[in-house]
Amino acid sequence: MEITSTSAINTAVEGLRKAQTDLEKTAQNVAEGSLDPADIVSLSLAATSFKANAAVIRTENENTQALLDITA
């Protein structure tokens, strides 16, 4: 299976969207007064997921720039 730049970025963007959705749901729970420790874990997981997916996009951008520099 070949992974292309576009598919890596698309996958990362979908991951960002999922992290945002999870964060919004959990934030709503907390705003409603939830004291469930799982909500705190969910907030942490959403933050970690967001950072990881942003890093994929950043790395892909750096790799693309390096390839353009090589071919220039």
N, C-alpha and C. Protein backbone atom coordinates (compact mmCIF):
# COMPACT_ATOMS: atom_id res chain seq x y z
N MET A 1 0.83 -1.18 0.00
CA MET A 1 0.00 0.00 0.00
C MET A 1 0.88 1.25 0.00
N GLU A 2 0.62 2.13 -0.92
CA GLU A 2 1.40 3.35 -1.04
C GLU A 2 0.71 4.48 -0.27
N ILE A 3 1.50 5.21 0.50
CA ILE A 3 0.95 6.36 1.22
C ILE A 3 1.49 7.61 0.54
N THR A 4 0.58 8.43 0.07
CA THR A 4 0.98 9.65 -0.61
C THR A 4 0.86 10.84 0.33
N SER A 5 1.44 11.93 -0.11
CA SER A 5 1.38 13.16 0.67
C SER A 5 -0.07 13.55 0.93
N THR A 6 -0.88 13.48 -0.10
CA THR A 6 -2.28 13.88 0.02
C THR A 6 -3.01 12.99 1.01
N SER A 7 -2.80 11.68 0.94
CA SER A 7 -3.52 10.79 1.85
C SER A 7 -3.05 10.98 3.29
N ALA A 8 -1.78 11.26 3.49
CA ALA A 8 -1.28 11.50 4.85
C ALA A 8 -1.91 12.76 5.43
N ILE A 9 -1.99 13.79 4.62
CA ILE A 9 -2.58 15.04 5.09
C ILE A 9 -4.08 14.86 5.31
N ASN A 10 -4.75 14.18 4.40
CA ASN A 10 -6.19 13.95 4.56
C ASN A 10 -6.49 13.16 5.83
N THR A 11 -5.69 12.15 6.09
CA THR A 11 -5.87 11.35 7.30
C THR A 11 -5.64 12.21 8.54
N ALA A 12 -4.62 13.05 8.50
CA ALA A 12 -4.34 13.92 9.64
C ALA A 12 -5.47 14.93 9.86
N VAL A 13 -6.01 15.47 8.77
CA VAL A 13 -7.12 16.42 8.89
C VAL A 13 -8.35 15.73 9.50
N GLU A 14 -8.61 14.51 9.08
CA GLU A 14 -9.73 13.76 9.68
C GLU A 14 -9.48 13.52 11.16
N GLY A 15 -8.23 13.25 11.51
CA GLY A 15 -7.88 13.08 12.93
C GLY A 15 -8.09 14.36 13.72
N LEU A 16 -7.75 15.50 13.10
CA LEU A 16 -7.99 16.79 13.76
C LEU A 16 -9.48 17.02 13.99
N ARG A 17 -10.27 16.68 12.98
CA ARG A 17 -11.72 16.86 13.10
C ARG A 17 -12.30 15.98 14.21
N LYS A 18 -11.82 14.73 14.27
CA LYS A 18 -12.31 13.82 15.31
C LYS A 18 -11.91 14.32 16.69
N ALA A 19 -10.67 14.80 16.82
CA ALA A 19 -10.22 15.32 18.11
C ALA A 19 -11.07 16.52 18.51
N GLN A 20 -11.40 17.38 17.54
CA GLN A 20 -12.24 18.54 17.85
C GLN A 20 -13.63 18.11 18.29
N THR A 21 -14.20 17.14 17.59
CA THR A 21 -15.53 16.64 17.95
C THR A 21 -15.52 16.04 19.35
N ASP A 22 -14.52 15.22 19.64
CA ASP A 22 -14.40 14.60 20.97
C ASP A 22 -14.24 15.67 22.05
N LEU A 23 -13.42 16.67 21.75
CA LEU A 23 -13.19 17.75 22.70
C LEU A 23 -14.49 18.51 22.98
N GLU A 24 -15.25 18.81 21.94
CA GLU A 24 -16.51 19.54 22.11
C GLU A 24 -17.51 18.74 22.95
N LYS A 25 -17.61 17.45 22.68
CA LYS A 25 -18.54 16.60 23.45
C LYS A 25 -18.13 16.55 24.93
N THR A 26 -16.84 16.36 25.16
CA THR A 26 -16.36 16.27 26.54
C THR A 26 -16.49 17.61 27.25
N ALA A 27 -16.19 18.69 26.55
CA ALA A 27 -16.32 20.02 27.15
C ALA A 27 -17.77 20.29 27.55
N GLN A 28 -18.69 19.83 26.73
CA GLN A 28 -20.11 19.99 27.06
C GLN A 28 -20.45 19.21 28.33
N ASN A 29 -19.93 18.00 28.44
CA ASN A 29 -20.16 17.21 29.66
C ASN A 29 -19.65 17.93 30.90
N VAL A 30 -18.44 18.47 30.79
CA VAL A 30 -17.84 19.17 31.92
C VAL A 30 -18.64 20.43 32.25
N ALA A 31 -19.07 21.15 31.21
CA ALA A 31 -19.86 22.37 31.41
C ALA A 31 -21.19 22.07 32.10
N GLU A 32 -21.70 20.88 31.88
CA GLU A 32 -22.96 20.47 32.51
C GLU A 32 -22.76 19.94 33.92
N GLY A 33 -21.51 19.94 34.38
CA GLY A 33 -21.24 19.56 35.76
C GLY A 33 -20.76 18.14 35.95
N SER A 34 -20.38 17.46 34.88
CA SER A 34 -19.89 16.09 35.00
C SER A 34 -18.61 16.05 35.84
N LEU A 35 -18.57 15.10 36.75
CA LEU A 35 -17.38 14.88 37.57
C LEU A 35 -16.72 13.56 37.21
N ASP A 36 -17.07 13.02 36.07
CA ASP A 36 -16.54 11.73 35.62
C ASP A 36 -15.07 11.86 35.25
N PRO A 37 -14.20 11.09 35.90
CA PRO A 37 -12.78 11.14 35.57
C PRO A 37 -12.50 10.79 34.10
N ALA A 38 -13.38 10.02 33.49
CA ALA A 38 -13.19 9.67 32.08
C ALA A 38 -13.24 10.91 31.19
N ASP A 39 -13.95 11.95 31.63
CA ASP A 39 -13.98 13.19 30.86
C ASP A 39 -12.61 13.87 30.85
N ILE A 40 -11.92 13.82 31.96
CA ILE A 40 -10.58 14.40 32.02
C ILE A 40 -9.63 13.62 31.11
N VAL A 41 -9.77 12.31 31.13
CA VAL A 41 -8.95 11.47 30.24
C VAL A 41 -9.27 11.79 28.79
N SER A 42 -10.55 11.96 28.47
CA SER A 42 -10.95 12.28 27.10
C SER A 42 -10.38 13.62 26.64
N LEU A 43 -10.38 14.60 27.55
CA LEU A 43 -9.78 15.89 27.21
C LEU A 43 -8.30 15.75 26.90
N SER A 44 -7.62 14.97 27.70
CA SER A 44 -6.19 14.75 27.49
C SER A 44 -5.93 14.00 26.18
N LEU A 45 -6.75 12.99 25.91
CA LEU A 45 -6.59 12.23 24.66
C LEU A 45 -6.86 13.11 23.43
N ALA A 46 -7.86 13.96 23.52
CA ALA A 46 -8.16 14.84 22.40
C ALA A 46 -7.01 15.81 22.15
N ALA A 47 -6.43 16.33 23.21
CA ALA A 47 -5.29 17.24 23.07
C ALA A 47 -4.09 16.52 22.45
N THR A 48 -3.82 15.32 22.91
CA THR A 48 -2.70 14.55 22.37
C THR A 48 -2.94 14.20 20.91
N SER A 49 -4.15 13.81 20.58
CA SER A 49 -4.50 13.48 19.21
C SER A 49 -4.34 14.69 18.30
N PHE A 50 -4.79 15.83 18.78
CA PHE A 50 -4.68 17.05 17.99
C PHE A 50 -3.22 17.38 17.72
N LYS A 51 -2.38 17.29 18.74
CA LYS A 51 -0.95 17.57 18.59
C LYS A 51 -0.30 16.59 17.62
N ALA A 52 -0.64 15.32 17.73
CA ALA A 52 -0.04 14.29 16.86
C ALA A 52 -0.43 14.51 15.40
N ASN A 53 -1.70 14.81 15.16
CA ASN A 53 -2.15 15.03 13.79
C ASN A 53 -1.58 16.32 13.21
N ALA A 54 -1.44 17.34 14.03
CA ALA A 54 -0.80 18.57 13.57
C ALA A 54 0.66 18.31 13.22
N ALA A 55 1.32 17.45 13.98
CA ALA A 55 2.71 17.11 13.70
C ALA A 55 2.85 16.37 12.37
N VAL A 56 1.87 15.53 12.05
CA VAL A 56 1.90 14.83 10.75
C VAL A 56 1.83 15.84 9.62
N ILE A 57 0.94 16.81 9.74
CA ILE A 57 0.81 17.83 8.70
C ILE A 57 2.09 18.66 8.59
N ARG A 58 2.63 19.05 9.73
CA ARG A 58 3.86 19.84 9.75
C ARG A 58 5.02 19.07 9.11
N THR A 59 5.15 17.79 9.47
CA THR A 59 6.23 16.97 8.93
C THR A 59 6.06 16.77 7.43
N GLU A 60 4.84 16.55 6.98
CA GLU A 60 4.59 16.38 5.55
C GLU A 60 4.95 17.66 4.80
N ASN A 61 4.62 18.78 5.38
CA ASN A 61 4.97 20.07 4.78
C ASN A 61 6.48 20.24 4.69
N GLU A 62 7.19 19.88 5.75
CA GLU A 62 8.65 19.97 5.75
C GLU A 62 9.26 19.04 4.71
N ASN A 63 8.73 17.83 4.60
CA ASN A 63 9.23 16.88 3.61
C ASN A 63 9.00 17.38 2.19
N THR A 64 7.83 17.93 1.95
CA THR A 64 7.52 18.46 0.62
C THR A 64 8.45 19.62 0.29
N GLN A 65 8.68 20.49 1.26
CA GLN A 65 9.60 21.61 1.06
C GLN A 65 11.01 21.12 0.76
N ALA A 66 11.45 20.09 1.46
CA ALA A 66 12.79 19.53 1.23
C ALA A 66 12.88 18.96 -0.18
N LEU A 67 11.85 18.28 -0.62
CA LEU A 67 11.84 17.73 -1.99
C LEU A 67 11.87 18.84 -3.03
N LEU A 68 11.13 19.91 -2.78
CA LEU A 68 11.16 21.03 -3.71
C LEU A 68 12.52 21.69 -3.74
N ASP A 69 13.18 21.78 -2.59
CA ASP A 69 14.52 22.35 -2.53
C ASP A 69 15.52 21.50 -3.30
N ILE A 70 15.36 20.18 -3.20
CA ILE A 70 16.27 19.27 -3.91
C ILE A 70 16.10 19.40 -5.41
N THR A 71 14.86 19.52 -5.87
CA THR A 71 14.60 19.56 -7.30
C THR A 71 14.81 20.96 -7.90
N ALA A 72 14.98 21.96 -7.05
CA ALA A 72 15.16 23.33 -7.57
C ALA A 72 16.57 23.57 -8.05
